[in-house]
């Protein structure tokens, strides 16, 4: 079931994995660029999107940053076919090093995947950057490992590509509910500087995926602008959102602008894009 030869390029229908895709100089440039960002902590719910019955307000397990468009948690993310409007707020463009890399990744995708698994206008125009590691109690300094993600799907249309840096992560595709035994479709370790692309009926539409754990062997956390968090793995998840579903902040309904205003103001402290978004007349 597992990909055992992690140091080799792996290809199968719906899945592509390259263990050392990113060149050393590209990685150095990307990490230097990451050090200019100020990732934020988001809350899952908001005033106009309160927790459902039986749930409660909570902070996400890791700081995040989005490129292309920002899918704020309290806007419920992008979820076709019904959850497509007012979910994707226009965000900063990719740096040049990522643009060059995506040209290669998109070429690999179009040559590896079936034509009907890649939408007509598909392009990897949005990216979620997840920072995996341990939260740090600001009073006691105690670290709590939060480097995992439970079963979920990425609902954006077409194949999804991810690039990872840092410690290895144990990744699984699973079918059905969490408590079912023998529901693992495939599992393998995600390496530093690797590329994974998945799509198609099995891996994208039927299976859920999850990060079970992230190793902590190197003891060499990234030096980033994130308070009270020690990052040991960074993952870029590139996806596709049709351009007609990407909206400017000023065009959101009033109550949704109000819900994400604190995040926009926080981002604007370090980003000209978000400063301009807040200045634009409604």
Protein backbone atom coordinates (compact mmCIF):
# COMPACT_ATOMS: atom_id res chain seq x y z
CA UNK A 1 0.00 0.00 0.00
CA UNK A 2 2.80 2.44 0.82
CA UNK A 3 5.27 4.09 -1.48
CA UNK A 4 8.39 2.39 -0.18
CA UNK A 5 11.09 3.80 -2.45
CA UNK A 6 10.72 7.41 -1.42
CA UNK A 7 13.90 8.47 -3.18
CA UNK A 8 12.48 7.64 -6.60
CA UNK A 9 9.88 9.45 -8.68
CA UNK A 10 6.55 7.67 -8.27
CA UNK A 11 3.80 7.70 -10.89
CA UNK A 12 0.43 6.02 -10.83
CA UNK A 13 -3.02 6.98 -12.09
CA UNK A 14 -4.13 10.05 -10.16
CA UNK A 15 -0.89 10.48 -8.21
CA UNK A 16 2.60 11.83 -8.91
CA UNK A 17 5.41 12.16 -6.36
CA UNK A 18 8.91 13.54 -6.84
CA UNK A 19 11.03 13.32 -3.65
CA UNK A 20 13.58 16.02 -4.58
CA UNK A 21 11.78 18.29 -7.03
CA UNK A 22 12.93 21.67 -5.68
CA UNK A 23 16.54 22.56 -6.40
CA UNK A 24 18.75 23.74 -3.54
CA UNK A 25 19.04 27.30 -4.86
CA UNK A 26 15.27 27.50 -5.43
CA UNK A 27 14.63 26.34 -1.88
CA UNK A 28 17.00 28.97 -0.49
CA UNK A 29 15.22 31.71 -2.48
CA UNK A 30 11.79 30.53 -1.35
CA UNK A 31 12.79 30.34 2.32
CA UNK A 32 14.31 33.84 2.12
CA UNK A 33 11.02 35.11 0.65
CA UNK A 34 9.02 33.32 3.37
CA UNK A 35 10.99 35.24 5.96
CA UNK A 36 9.45 38.45 4.62
CA UNK A 37 5.91 37.23 5.30
CA UNK A 38 3.89 37.60 8.49
CA UNK A 39 1.55 34.58 8.71
CA UNK A 40 -1.59 35.00 10.78
CA UNK A 41 -3.67 32.94 13.18
CA UNK A 42 -7.33 32.65 12.21
CA UNK A 43 -10.40 31.74 14.21
CA UNK A 44 -12.74 29.18 12.71
CA UNK A 45 -15.94 31.21 13.17
CA UNK A 46 -17.05 34.84 13.32
CA UNK A 47 -19.93 37.10 14.32
CA UNK A 48 -21.93 36.38 11.17
CA UNK A 49 -20.80 32.75 10.92
CA UNK A 50 -21.14 31.50 14.51
CA UNK A 51 -20.29 27.96 15.61
CA UNK A 52 -23.00 25.38 14.86
CA UNK A 53 -24.84 23.71 17.71
CA UNK A 54 -22.50 21.57 19.75
CA UNK A 55 -19.38 23.34 18.52
CA UNK A 56 -17.45 26.31 19.85
CA UNK A 57 -15.19 29.06 18.61
CA UNK A 58 -11.59 27.93 18.21
CA UNK A 59 -8.29 29.00 16.76
CA UNK A 60 -6.87 27.01 13.85
CA UNK A 61 -4.05 24.65 14.78
CA UNK A 62 -1.43 26.46 12.72
CA UNK A 63 -0.67 29.90 11.28
CA UNK A 64 -1.34 30.28 7.56
CA UNK A 65 -0.71 32.49 4.55
CA UNK A 66 -2.54 32.48 1.20
CA UNK A 67 -1.47 33.61 -2.25
CA UNK A 68 -3.69 34.34 -5.28
CA UNK A 69 -6.78 34.50 -3.13
CA UNK A 70 -7.32 34.19 0.61
CA UNK A 71 -9.94 31.72 1.77
CA UNK A 72 -10.61 32.87 5.31
CA UNK A 73 -11.80 30.11 7.63
CA UNK A 74 -14.79 32.13 8.82
CA UNK A 75 -15.93 32.54 5.18
CA UNK A 76 -16.17 28.73 5.02
CA UNK A 77 -13.51 28.23 2.36
CA UNK A 78 -14.23 27.40 -1.29
CA UNK A 79 -16.57 24.44 -1.61
CA UNK A 80 -18.10 23.76 -5.06
CA UNK A 81 -20.72 23.31 -6.25
CA UNK A 82 -22.68 25.31 -3.66
CA UNK A 83 -19.98 27.11 -1.69
CA UNK A 84 -18.47 29.25 -4.42
CA UNK A 85 -19.58 32.84 -3.77
CA UNK A 86 -17.88 35.25 -1.36
CA UNK A 87 -15.28 32.67 -0.32
CA UNK A 88 -12.10 33.74 -2.17
CA UNK A 89 -10.77 37.24 -1.47
CA UNK A 90 -8.14 38.48 -3.89
CA UNK A 91 -4.66 38.21 -2.36
CA UNK A 92 -1.01 38.78 -3.27
CA UNK A 93 0.55 37.33 -6.40
CA UNK A 94 3.20 34.61 -6.38
CA UNK A 95 6.87 35.59 -6.18
CA UNK A 96 8.84 34.96 -9.38
CA UNK A 97 10.54 31.81 -8.06
CA UNK A 98 7.15 30.16 -7.50
CA UNK A 99 5.84 31.31 -10.89
CA UNK A 100 8.74 29.57 -12.63
CA UNK A 101 8.21 26.43 -10.58
CA UNK A 102 4.48 26.36 -11.31
CA UNK A 103 5.11 26.44 -15.05
CA UNK A 104 6.94 23.12 -14.66
CA UNK A 105 4.37 21.68 -12.24
CA UNK A 106 1.46 22.55 -14.51
CA UNK A 107 3.29 20.92 -17.43
CA UNK A 108 3.83 17.73 -15.43
CA UNK A 109 0.17 17.71 -14.42
CA UNK A 110 -1.18 18.12 -17.95
CA UNK A 111 1.07 15.34 -19.27
CA UNK A 112 0.49 12.91 -16.39
CA UNK A 113 -3.24 13.24 -15.68
CA UNK A 114 -6.18 12.26 -17.86
CA UNK A 115 -7.55 15.12 -19.93
CA UNK A 116 -10.99 14.91 -18.34
CA UNK A 117 -9.43 15.22 -14.86
CA UNK A 118 -7.99 18.66 -15.71
CA UNK A 119 -10.61 21.44 -16.22
CA UNK A 120 -10.39 23.47 -19.42
CA UNK A 121 -9.08 26.68 -17.83
CA UNK A 122 -7.22 24.95 -14.99
CA UNK A 123 -4.20 26.71 -13.58
CA UNK A 124 -2.68 26.65 -10.10
CA UNK A 125 -3.75 30.18 -9.25
CA UNK A 126 -4.23 29.91 -5.50
CA UNK A 127 -1.97 28.61 -2.76
CA UNK A 128 -2.37 27.84 0.93
CA UNK A 129 0.88 27.93 2.90
CA UNK A 130 0.60 25.84 6.07
CA UNK A 131 3.15 26.06 8.86
CA UNK A 132 3.45 22.82 10.83
CA UNK A 133 5.02 22.65 14.25
CA UNK A 134 4.43 23.33 17.93
CA UNK A 135 2.55 26.12 19.65
CA UNK A 136 4.38 27.78 22.53
CA UNK A 137 2.58 28.93 25.67
CA UNK A 138 3.47 32.65 26.04
CA UNK A 139 3.56 32.36 29.84
CA UNK A 140 5.15 28.99 30.58
CA UNK A 141 7.00 28.42 27.31
CA UNK A 142 5.58 24.90 27.12
CA UNK A 143 5.44 23.48 23.59
CA UNK A 144 2.41 21.60 22.25
CA UNK A 145 2.84 19.60 19.07
CA UNK A 146 0.16 20.52 16.52
CA UNK A 147 1.84 19.18 13.39
CA UNK A 148 -1.03 17.16 11.97
CA UNK A 149 -4.19 17.56 9.88
CA UNK A 150 -7.27 15.36 10.12
CA UNK A 151 -9.26 13.77 7.29
CA UNK A 152 -10.34 16.34 4.71
CA UNK A 153 -10.68 17.03 0.99
CA UNK A 154 -9.50 19.97 -1.11
CA UNK A 155 -12.64 20.90 -3.03
CA UNK A 156 -11.09 23.18 -5.63
CA UNK A 157 -11.54 21.83 -9.16
CA UNK A 158 -8.88 19.67 -10.80
CA UNK A 159 -5.55 18.32 -9.55
CA UNK A 160 -3.84 19.71 -6.45
CA UNK A 161 -0.07 20.13 -6.18
CA UNK A 162 1.95 20.51 -3.00
CA UNK A 163 5.57 21.38 -2.30
CA UNK A 164 7.07 20.71 1.13
CA UNK A 165 10.10 21.89 3.08
CA UNK A 166 11.58 20.78 6.36
CA UNK A 167 10.87 17.66 8.39
CA UNK A 168 9.24 14.63 6.77
CA UNK A 169 5.48 14.22 7.13
CA UNK A 170 3.56 10.93 7.19
CA UNK A 171 0.74 11.35 4.67
CA UNK A 172 -2.28 9.10 4.06
CA UNK A 173 -5.17 8.82 1.61
CA UNK A 174 -8.14 7.12 3.27
CA UNK A 175 -11.68 6.08 2.39
CA UNK A 176 -14.72 6.24 4.62
CA UNK A 177 -14.98 7.24 8.24
CA UNK A 178 -12.05 7.62 10.60
CA UNK A 179 -13.03 4.65 12.79
CA UNK A 180 -13.08 2.13 9.92
CA UNK A 181 -10.21 -0.34 9.82
CA UNK A 182 -8.22 -1.01 6.69
CA UNK A 183 -9.48 2.15 5.00
CA UNK A 184 -6.02 3.35 3.93
CA UNK A 185 -5.68 3.70 0.15
CA UNK A 186 -2.03 4.80 0.18
CA UNK A 187 0.43 6.13 2.72
CA UNK A 188 3.97 7.44 2.44
CA UNK A 189 6.46 9.95 3.82
CA UNK A 190 6.56 13.43 2.27
CA UNK A 191 10.18 14.57 1.98
CA UNK A 192 11.91 17.93 2.16
CA UNK A 193 11.87 19.72 -1.25
CA UNK A 194 9.37 17.20 -2.66
CA UNK A 195 6.45 17.64 -5.05
CA UNK A 196 3.17 15.75 -4.80
CA UNK A 197 0.31 16.07 -7.28
CA UNK A 198 -2.99 14.25 -6.87
CA UNK A 199 -6.26 14.31 -8.77
CA UNK A 200 -8.85 12.14 -10.47
CA UNK A 201 -11.70 10.06 -9.15
CA UNK A 202 -9.90 8.05 -6.45
CA UNK A 203 -7.44 10.47 -4.86
CA UNK A 204 -9.35 13.72 -5.32
CA UNK A 205 -13.04 12.86 -5.37
CA UNK A 206 -13.39 9.70 -3.28
CA UNK A 207 -10.50 9.67 -0.83
CA UNK A 208 -9.82 11.97 2.08
CA UNK A 209 -6.24 12.82 2.94
CA UNK A 210 -4.49 13.63 6.19
CA UNK A 211 -1.11 14.35 7.78
CA UNK A 212 -0.73 11.88 10.62
CA UNK A 213 2.48 13.29 12.05
CA UNK A 214 5.58 15.31 11.25
CA UNK A 215 9.01 14.14 12.36
CA UNK A 216 11.06 16.19 14.79
CA UNK A 217 14.54 14.83 14.18
CA UNK A 218 16.48 17.72 12.68
CA UNK A 219 15.87 20.13 15.59
CA UNK A 220 16.32 23.00 13.15
CA UNK A 221 13.11 25.09 13.09
CA UNK A 222 12.54 27.73 10.44
CA UNK A 223 13.19 31.34 11.43
CA UNK A 224 9.90 33.02 10.52
CA UNK A 225 7.75 35.95 11.62
CA UNK A 226 5.35 33.87 13.73
CA UNK A 227 4.93 34.47 17.45
CA UNK A 228 4.49 31.62 19.91
CA UNK A 229 5.00 28.92 17.30
CA UNK A 230 7.97 26.78 16.26
CA UNK A 231 7.76 25.75 12.59
CA UNK A 232 9.50 22.57 11.47
CA UNK A 233 7.62 21.89 8.22
CA UNK A 234 6.20 24.23 5.56
CA UNK A 235 3.77 23.05 2.90
CA UNK A 236 2.57 24.95 -0.18
CA UNK A 237 -0.73 23.58 -1.52
CA UNK A 238 -1.49 24.91 -5.01
CA UNK A 239 -5.05 24.75 -6.30
CA UNK A 240 -7.38 26.15 -8.95
CA UNK A 241 -10.23 28.63 -8.42
CA UNK A 242 -12.06 30.00 -11.51
CA UNK A 243 -11.25 33.68 -11.80
CA UNK A 244 -14.93 34.65 -11.72
CA UNK A 245 -15.11 33.29 -8.14
CA UNK A 246 -12.26 35.49 -6.87
CA UNK A 247 -13.62 38.70 -5.37
CA UNK A 248 -12.11 41.98 -4.20
CA UNK A 249 -12.52 42.75 -0.52
CA UNK A 250 -14.56 45.86 -1.28
CA UNK A 251 -17.16 43.76 -3.13
CA UNK A 252 -17.95 41.43 -0.24
CA UNK A 253 -21.30 41.88 1.53
CA UNK A 254 -21.06 44.25 4.49
CA UNK A 255 -21.29 41.59 7.18
CA UNK A 256 -18.53 39.49 5.60
CA UNK A 257 -16.23 42.50 5.26
CA UNK A 258 -16.85 43.14 8.93
CA UNK A 259 -15.99 39.55 9.88
CA UNK A 260 -12.60 39.54 8.14
CA UNK A 261 -11.66 43.19 8.73
CA UNK A 262 -9.39 42.35 11.72
CA UNK A 263 -7.43 39.91 9.54
CA UNK A 264 -7.23 42.38 6.67
CA UNK A 265 -5.91 45.06 9.03
CA UNK A 266 -3.35 42.65 10.45
CA UNK A 267 -2.17 41.66 6.97
CA UNK A 268 -2.07 45.31 5.87
CA UNK A 269 0.56 46.07 8.50
CA UNK A 270 3.12 44.27 6.32
CA UNK A 271 1.53 44.06 2.85
CA UNK A 272 0.91 46.81 0.31
CA UNK A 273 -1.67 44.65 -1.43
CA UNK A 274 -3.87 44.49 1.65
CA UNK A 275 -3.30 48.18 2.45
CA UNK A 276 -4.59 49.04 -1.03
CA UNK A 277 -7.55 46.66 -0.58
CA UNK A 278 -8.59 48.51 2.57
CA UNK A 279 -8.18 51.91 0.90
CA UNK A 280 -10.31 51.05 -2.15
CA UNK A 281 -13.67 52.85 -2.08
CA UNK A 282 -16.70 50.64 -1.55
